[in-house]
């Protein structure tokens, strides 16, 4: 198992435990999930299944599953509601919006990998370098002390303006020759970027895409959540962050409303307009707008001090503006605590 696969495997195990805890919490607060006793522990989350469609009647909703490889029919699951969290390739979104069309390409292609590397700078630093032409690079550690040498697993993402792209496939392997030449001279005293990226066990490639905001998510006892509801450019960690906010809003709505259908309407009314704003903001004024502004002012030329390029007040204003749109500025978080 390479480092990237190991990272995803570990993340999957952690998610299963996290989900099991959340399900148990929802049961204790009176939220009913399914028509049978809700399982606890690792059995609360199943893998190796593909949802093919949702059916519902006046009293319940049923999710039909199949094996994604063999297409063998698997046991269905029935509950008071079905929450479709099936991501960018959502089958359920397509069930209700069959003519939506393909995702909207941003003009930016992305290459990603995980490298085993000695800690640099603070050992916990998040690094953003450059802009999309010729290349923008994001680097941050995701796990410490992975071996006897004290190395970390360090995640990296490279964004480059690219006129053409292949259809989205999160598992497509990337090629170093397609993007690394843009950073061939990126040799810093704290990191040799070409060597660092070349040391990755595997490289994945996929386009930066999103979809236009939908007019609705909920249909009776079914609703959408996360990327299935609001696929957006993966900027500012908002793919994950907005899904977490969805979960909180949905759990609160289900706890506060005895009528499951009404609860889904409350959830949608709260989250649909907010996430729509983030989708559109990520297109025009992304969270890394500071890099964009510095690139514009300097023409991508070296400088010694950031204060010579942009004031601290401007930096704060750019950062706070996006936080307000994304829903995690301090004042809004205080009201939701």
Protein backbone atom coordinates (compact mmCIF):
# COMPACT_ATOMS: atom_id res chain seq x y z
CA UNK A 1 0.00 0.00 0.00
CA UNK A 2 1.51 3.34 -1.02
CA UNK A 3 1.38 6.47 1.17
CA UNK A 4 -1.61 7.96 -0.65
CA UNK A 5 -3.61 4.74 -0.40
CA UNK A 6 -2.64 4.39 3.26
CA UNK A 7 -3.83 7.93 3.94
CA UNK A 8 -7.21 7.25 2.31
CA UNK A 9 -7.55 3.90 4.14
CA UNK A 10 -6.85 5.57 7.49
CA UNK A 11 -9.29 8.36 6.67
CA UNK A 12 -11.98 5.80 5.81
CA UNK A 13 -11.52 3.97 9.11
CA UNK A 14 -11.68 7.23 11.05
CA UNK A 15 -14.81 8.27 9.16
CA UNK A 16 -16.55 4.96 9.99
CA UNK A 17 -15.84 5.47 13.71
CA UNK A 18 -16.87 9.13 13.53
CA UNK A 19 -20.11 8.27 11.71
CA UNK A 20 -20.93 5.52 14.18
CA UNK A 21 -20.53 7.96 17.09
CA UNK A 22 -22.73 10.54 15.38
CA UNK A 23 -25.43 7.94 14.69
CA UNK A 24 -25.40 6.85 18.34
CA UNK A 25 -25.66 10.50 19.41
CA UNK A 26 -28.65 11.04 17.10
CA UNK A 27 -30.36 7.97 18.55
CA UNK A 28 -29.85 9.24 22.11
CA UNK A 29 -31.37 12.63 21.20
CA UNK A 30 -34.45 10.97 19.74
CA UNK A 31 -33.70 11.11 16.02
CA UNK A 32 -34.92 7.90 14.45
CA UNK A 33 -32.79 6.49 11.66
CA UNK A 34 -34.29 3.72 9.58
CA UNK A 35 -37.16 1.43 10.57
CA UNK A 36 -34.95 -1.11 12.28
CA UNK A 37 -32.62 -0.81 15.25
CA UNK A 38 -29.70 1.36 14.19
CA UNK A 39 -26.38 -0.55 14.34
CA UNK A 40 -23.51 0.82 16.37
CA UNK A 41 -19.75 0.51 16.06
CA UNK A 42 -17.99 -0.15 12.76
CA UNK A 43 -21.09 -1.94 11.37
CA UNK A 44 -22.93 1.40 11.23
CA UNK A 45 -21.25 2.22 7.92
CA UNK A 46 -21.06 -0.16 4.98
CA UNK A 47 -18.71 0.01 1.99
CA UNK A 48 -18.57 -1.58 -1.45
CA UNK A 49 -22.06 -0.49 -2.44
CA UNK A 50 -23.53 1.84 -5.04
CA UNK A 51 -26.91 3.49 -4.67
CA UNK A 52 -28.90 3.10 -7.89
CA UNK A 53 -32.14 4.90 -7.00
CA UNK A 54 -34.46 6.10 -4.25
CA UNK A 55 -38.13 5.19 -3.88
CA UNK A 56 -40.61 6.61 -1.38
CA UNK A 57 -44.23 6.43 -0.26
CA UNK A 58 -46.35 8.23 2.34
CA UNK A 59 -44.56 6.69 5.32
CA UNK A 60 -40.99 5.81 4.31
CA UNK A 61 -38.17 6.06 1.79
CA UNK A 62 -36.09 3.20 0.42
CA UNK A 63 -32.56 3.27 -1.01
CA UNK A 64 -31.81 0.54 -3.58
CA UNK A 65 -28.20 -0.65 -3.74
CA UNK A 66 -26.00 -2.70 -6.04
CA UNK A 67 -22.41 -3.91 -6.19
CA UNK A 68 -20.54 -1.21 -8.18
CA UNK A 69 -18.42 -3.80 -9.99
CA UNK A 70 -20.74 -6.75 -10.64
CA UNK A 71 -24.05 -4.82 -10.52
CA UNK A 72 -25.38 -7.56 -8.22
CA UNK A 73 -28.44 -6.36 -6.30
CA UNK A 74 -27.71 -5.74 -2.62
CA UNK A 75 -30.11 -5.41 0.34
CA UNK A 76 -32.17 -2.23 0.30
CA UNK A 77 -32.42 0.10 3.29
CA UNK A 78 -35.67 1.76 4.37
CA UNK A 79 -36.14 4.65 6.77
CA UNK A 80 -38.20 7.72 7.50
CA UNK A 81 -35.85 9.76 5.29
CA UNK A 82 -32.96 9.13 2.92
CA UNK A 83 -30.03 11.55 2.85
CA UNK A 84 -28.11 11.38 -0.43
CA UNK A 85 -24.42 12.05 0.25
CA UNK A 86 -23.18 10.34 -2.90
CA UNK A 87 -20.84 13.10 -3.98
CA UNK A 88 -19.93 14.79 -7.24
CA UNK A 89 -21.15 11.79 -9.25
CA UNK A 90 -24.45 11.69 -7.35
CA UNK A 91 -26.88 9.18 -8.81
CA UNK A 92 -29.69 10.67 -6.74
CA UNK A 93 -29.05 14.22 -7.90
CA UNK A 94 -29.24 12.94 -11.46
CA UNK A 95 -32.47 11.09 -10.63
CA UNK A 96 -34.17 14.41 -9.90
CA UNK A 97 -32.21 16.62 -12.32
CA UNK A 98 -31.55 14.32 -15.31
CA UNK A 99 -30.94 17.19 -17.75
CA UNK A 100 -28.53 19.20 -15.63
CA UNK A 101 -25.56 18.61 -17.91
CA UNK A 102 -21.86 18.09 -17.18
CA UNK A 103 -19.91 19.94 -14.47
CA UNK A 104 -18.65 23.45 -15.17
CA UNK A 105 -14.89 23.50 -15.75
CA UNK A 106 -12.93 26.31 -14.07
CA UNK A 107 -10.06 26.28 -16.56
CA UNK A 108 -7.78 24.86 -13.86
CA UNK A 109 -6.49 21.31 -13.69
CA UNK A 110 -5.23 19.81 -10.42
CA UNK A 111 -2.54 17.30 -9.52
CA UNK A 112 -2.35 15.88 -6.00
CA UNK A 113 -0.12 13.55 -4.04
CA UNK A 114 1.22 12.64 -0.60
CA UNK A 115 4.97 12.58 0.07
CA UNK A 116 6.96 11.12 2.96
CA UNK A 117 9.18 14.01 4.00
CA UNK A 118 11.14 15.44 6.90
CA UNK A 119 9.30 18.26 8.73
CA UNK A 120 10.14 21.74 7.43
CA UNK A 121 9.59 25.26 8.76
CA UNK A 122 7.37 24.85 11.86
CA UNK A 123 6.53 21.22 11.09
CA UNK A 124 2.87 22.26 10.94
CA UNK A 125 3.03 25.03 8.34
CA UNK A 126 0.53 25.32 5.50
CA UNK A 127 2.30 26.69 2.42
CA UNK A 128 0.72 28.39 -0.59
CA UNK A 129 3.07 29.33 -3.42
CA UNK A 130 2.34 31.12 -6.69
CA UNK A 131 -0.79 31.53 -8.79
CA UNK A 132 -2.39 29.38 -11.48
CA UNK A 133 -0.09 30.66 -14.21
CA UNK A 134 2.44 29.17 -14.28
CA UNK A 135 1.46 27.14 -11.18
CA UNK A 136 -0.04 27.41 -7.69
CA UNK A 137 1.09 24.95 -5.03
CA UNK A 138 -0.51 24.11 -1.69
CA UNK A 139 1.42 22.00 0.85
CA UNK A 140 0.57 20.87 4.38
CA UNK A 141 1.37 17.90 6.68
CA UNK A 142 -1.38 15.41 7.49
CA UNK A 143 0.39 12.91 9.77
CA UNK A 144 3.46 13.03 12.01
CA UNK A 145 6.17 10.49 12.80
CA UNK A 146 5.27 7.88 10.21
CA UNK A 147 8.64 6.08 10.47
CA UNK A 148 11.85 5.80 12.45
CA UNK A 149 13.27 8.80 10.60
CA UNK A 150 10.57 11.07 12.02
CA UNK A 151 9.13 11.88 8.62
CA UNK A 152 5.62 13.18 7.99
CA UNK A 153 2.99 12.44 5.40
CA UNK A 154 2.76 15.75 3.56
CA UNK A 155 -0.16 16.48 1.27
CA UNK A 156 0.31 18.69 -1.79
CA UNK A 157 -1.92 20.05 -4.56
CA UNK A 158 -0.78 21.80 -7.73
CA UNK A 159 -3.20 23.96 -9.77
CA UNK A 160 -2.39 25.04 -13.33
CA UNK A 161 -4.46 26.88 -15.92
CA UNK A 162 -5.23 24.25 -18.56
CA UNK A 163 -7.54 24.82 -21.56
CA UNK A 164 -8.45 21.14 -21.92
CA UNK A 165 -9.11 18.43 -19.39
CA UNK A 166 -10.18 14.81 -19.26
CA UNK A 167 -13.53 13.81 -17.80
CA UNK A 168 -13.42 13.86 -14.01
CA UNK A 169 -12.10 10.69 -12.43
CA UNK A 170 -10.78 11.00 -8.89
CA UNK A 171 -8.62 7.89 -9.35
CA UNK A 172 -6.85 8.82 -12.59
CA UNK A 173 -3.08 8.73 -12.26
CA UNK A 174 -1.22 11.91 -13.20
CA UNK A 175 2.14 12.29 -14.92
CA UNK A 176 4.97 14.44 -13.55
CA UNK A 177 5.89 15.65 -17.03
CA UNK A 178 2.48 17.27 -17.41
CA UNK A 179 2.93 19.76 -14.56
CA UNK A 180 6.31 19.58 -12.79
CA UNK A 181 8.22 21.60 -15.47
CA UNK A 182 6.19 24.67 -14.38
CA UNK A 183 7.97 24.46 -11.00
CA UNK A 184 11.37 23.26 -12.20
CA UNK A 185 13.21 26.21 -10.59
CA UNK A 186 11.29 26.25 -7.29
CA UNK A 187 14.25 25.56 -5.00
CA UNK A 188 13.74 27.19 -1.58
CA UNK A 189 16.16 26.99 1.34
CA UNK A 190 13.47 25.10 3.29
CA UNK A 191 12.15 22.88 0.46
CA UNK A 192 13.28 21.64 -2.95
CA UNK A 193 9.87 21.49 -4.65
CA UNK A 194 10.79 19.33 -7.70
CA UNK A 195 12.49 16.75 -5.48
CA UNK A 196 9.64 16.84 -2.97
CA UNK A 197 6.94 16.23 -5.60
CA UNK A 198 9.00 13.63 -7.48
CA UNK A 199 9.27 11.65 -4.22
CA UNK A 200 5.50 11.15 -4.00
CA UNK A 201 4.43 7.50 -4.20
CA UNK A 202 1.59 8.36 -6.57
CA UNK A 203 0.12 11.38 -8.33
CA UNK A 204 -3.59 11.83 -9.03
CA UNK A 205 -5.07 14.26 -11.56
CA UNK A 206 -8.52 15.77 -11.84
CA UNK A 207 -10.14 19.00 -13.03
CA UNK A 208 -11.43 21.80 -10.79
CA UNK A 209 -15.15 21.70 -11.51
CA UNK A 210 -18.46 22.63 -9.94
CA UNK A 211 -22.17 22.79 -10.79
CA UNK A 212 -24.59 25.71 -10.76
CA UNK A 213 -26.65 25.95 -7.54
CA UNK A 214 -29.86 23.94 -7.64
CA UNK A 215 -33.35 25.41 -7.08
CA UNK A 216 -34.13 22.69 -4.49
CA UNK A 217 -32.58 19.69 -2.71
CA UNK A 218 -35.53 18.04 -0.99
CA UNK A 219 -38.19 15.84 -2.56
CA UNK A 220 -40.56 14.47 0.05
CA UNK A 221 -38.52 12.16 2.26
CA UNK A 222 -35.29 12.61 0.30
CA UNK A 223 -32.72 15.37 0.44
CA UNK A 224 -29.18 15.99 -0.80
CA UNK A 225 -26.12 16.80 1.31
CA UNK A 226 -22.49 17.75 0.67
CA UNK A 227 -21.09 17.48 -2.84
CA UNK A 228 -24.30 15.84 -4.02
CA UNK A 229 -26.13 19.05 -3.12
CA UNK A 230 -23.57 21.77 -3.87
CA UNK A 231 -20.41 20.63 -5.69
CA UNK A 232 -17.97 23.53 -5.58
CA UNK A 233 -14.39 24.33 -6.44
CA UNK A 234 -12.19 22.74 -3.73
CA UNK A 235 -10.94 26.02 -2.32
CA UNK A 236 -10.59 26.85 1.33
CA UNK A 237 -11.45 23.25 2.27
CA UNK A 238 -15.06 24.16 1.58
CA UNK A 239 -15.99 20.84 -0.01
CA UNK A 240 -15.63 19.27 3.44
CA UNK A 241 -16.42 22.34 5.56
CA UNK A 242 -19.79 23.03 3.94
CA UNK A 243 -20.77 19.36 4.23
CA UNK A 244 -20.04 19.52 7.97
CA UNK A 245 -22.26 22.59 8.26
CA UNK A 246 -24.94 20.69 6.31
CA UNK A 247 -24.76 17.82 8.82
CA UNK A 248 -25.18 20.14 11.77
CA UNK A 249 -28.16 21.92 10.21
CA UNK A 250 -29.78 18.63 9.22
CA UNK A 251 -29.31 17.05 12.65
CA UNK A 252 -30.79 20.14 14.32
CA UNK A 253 -33.77 20.16 11.94
CA UNK A 254 -34.52 16.47 12.47
CA UNK A 255 -34.24 16.86 16.24
CA UNK A 256 -36.54 19.88 16.32
CA UNK A 257 -39.28 18.63 13.96
CA UNK A 258 -41.41 15.54 14.52
CA UNK A 259 -42.48 15.67 10.87
CA UNK A 260 -39.52 14.32 8.86
CA UNK A 261 -40.62 15.96 5.62
CA UNK A 262 -40.94 19.33 7.33
CA UNK A 263 -37.48 18.85 8.88
CA UNK A 264 -35.93 18.41 5.43
CA UNK A 265 -37.63 21.60 4.27
CA UNK A 266 -36.19 23.50 7.24
CA UNK A 267 -32.73 22.12 6.52
CA UNK A 268 -32.95 23.09 2.85
CA UNK A 269 -34.23 26.58 3.61
CA UNK A 270 -31.22 27.21 5.83
CA UNK A 271 -28.43 25.64 3.81
CA UNK A 272 -29.35 25.93 0.12
CA UNK A 273 -28.99 29.73 -0.18
CA UNK A 274 -25.83 29.81 1.96
CA UNK A 275 -24.02 27.13 -0.04
CA UNK A 276 -25.15 28.73 -3.30
CA UNK A 277 -23.30 31.87 -2.24
CA UNK A 278 -20.13 29.88 -1.55
CA UNK A 279 -20.29 28.13 -4.94
CA UNK A 280 -20.47 31.49 -6.71
CA UNK A 281 -17.89 33.15 -4.43
CA UNK A 282 -15.39 30.37 -5.14
CA UNK A 283 -15.64 31.26 -8.82
CA UNK A 284 -15.11 35.01 -8.42
CA UNK A 285 -13.43 35.73 -5.07
CA UNK A 286 -11.89 32.53 -3.67
CA UNK A 287 -10.32 32.22 -0.22
CA UNK A 288 -6.87 32.43 -1.82
CA UNK A 289 -7.75 35.82 -3.33
CA UNK A 290 -4.77 37.21 -1.41
CA UNK A 291 -2.43 35.23 -3.66
CA UNK A 292 -4.33 36.43 -6.70
CA UNK A 293 -4.03 40.06 -5.63
CA UNK A 294 -0.31 39.77 -4.86
CA UNK A 295 0.24 38.08 -8.23
CA UNK A 296 -1.62 40.90 -9.95
CA UNK A 297 0.36 43.64 -8.18
CA UNK A 298 3.80 42.09 -8.59
CA UNK A 299 3.46 40.52 -12.01
CA UNK A 300 4.82 37.34 -10.37
CA UNK A 301 8.17 39.07 -9.71
CA UNK A 302 10.12 38.41 -6.48
CA UNK A 303 9.76 40.79 -3.53
CA UNK A 304 11.40 40.95 -0.12
CA UNK A 305 8.56 42.06 2.14
CA UNK A 306 4.83 41.49 1.74
CA UNK A 307 4.17 44.87 3.38
CA UNK A 308 5.72 46.52 0.32
CA UNK A 309 3.04 44.88 -1.84
CA UNK A 310 -0.15 44.90 0.21
CA UNK A 311 -1.09 46.36 3.58
CA UNK A 312 -2.05 44.32 6.62
CA UNK A 313 -5.47 45.96 6.57
CA UNK A 314 -6.05 44.81 2.99
CA UNK A 315 -4.95 41.28 3.86
CA UNK A 316 -7.41 41.12 6.75
CA UNK A 317 -10.23 42.58 4.66
CA UNK A 318 -9.74 40.00 1.87
CA UNK A 319 -9.66 37.15 4.38
CA UNK A 320 -12.66 38.30 6.43
CA UNK A 321 -14.76 38.91 3.32
CA UNK A 322 -14.55 35.27 2.29
CA UNK A 323 -15.14 34.01 5.82
CA UNK A 324 -18.45 35.89 5.92
CA UNK A 325 -19.58 34.29 2.66
CA UNK A 326 -18.45 30.80 3.72
CA UNK A 327 -20.23 31.08 7.06
CA UNK A 328 -17.30 30.76 9.45
CA UNK A 329 -16.60 34.34 10.45
CA UNK A 330 -16.37 34.78 14.22
CA UNK A 331 -19.65 36.63 14.66
CA UNK A 332 -21.73 34.00 12.85
CA UNK A 333 -20.01 31.15 14.66
CA UNK A 334 -20.81 32.80 18.00
CA UNK A 335 -24.53 32.85 17.17
CA UNK A 336 -24.44 29.12 16.36
CA UNK A 337 -22.42 27.99 19.37
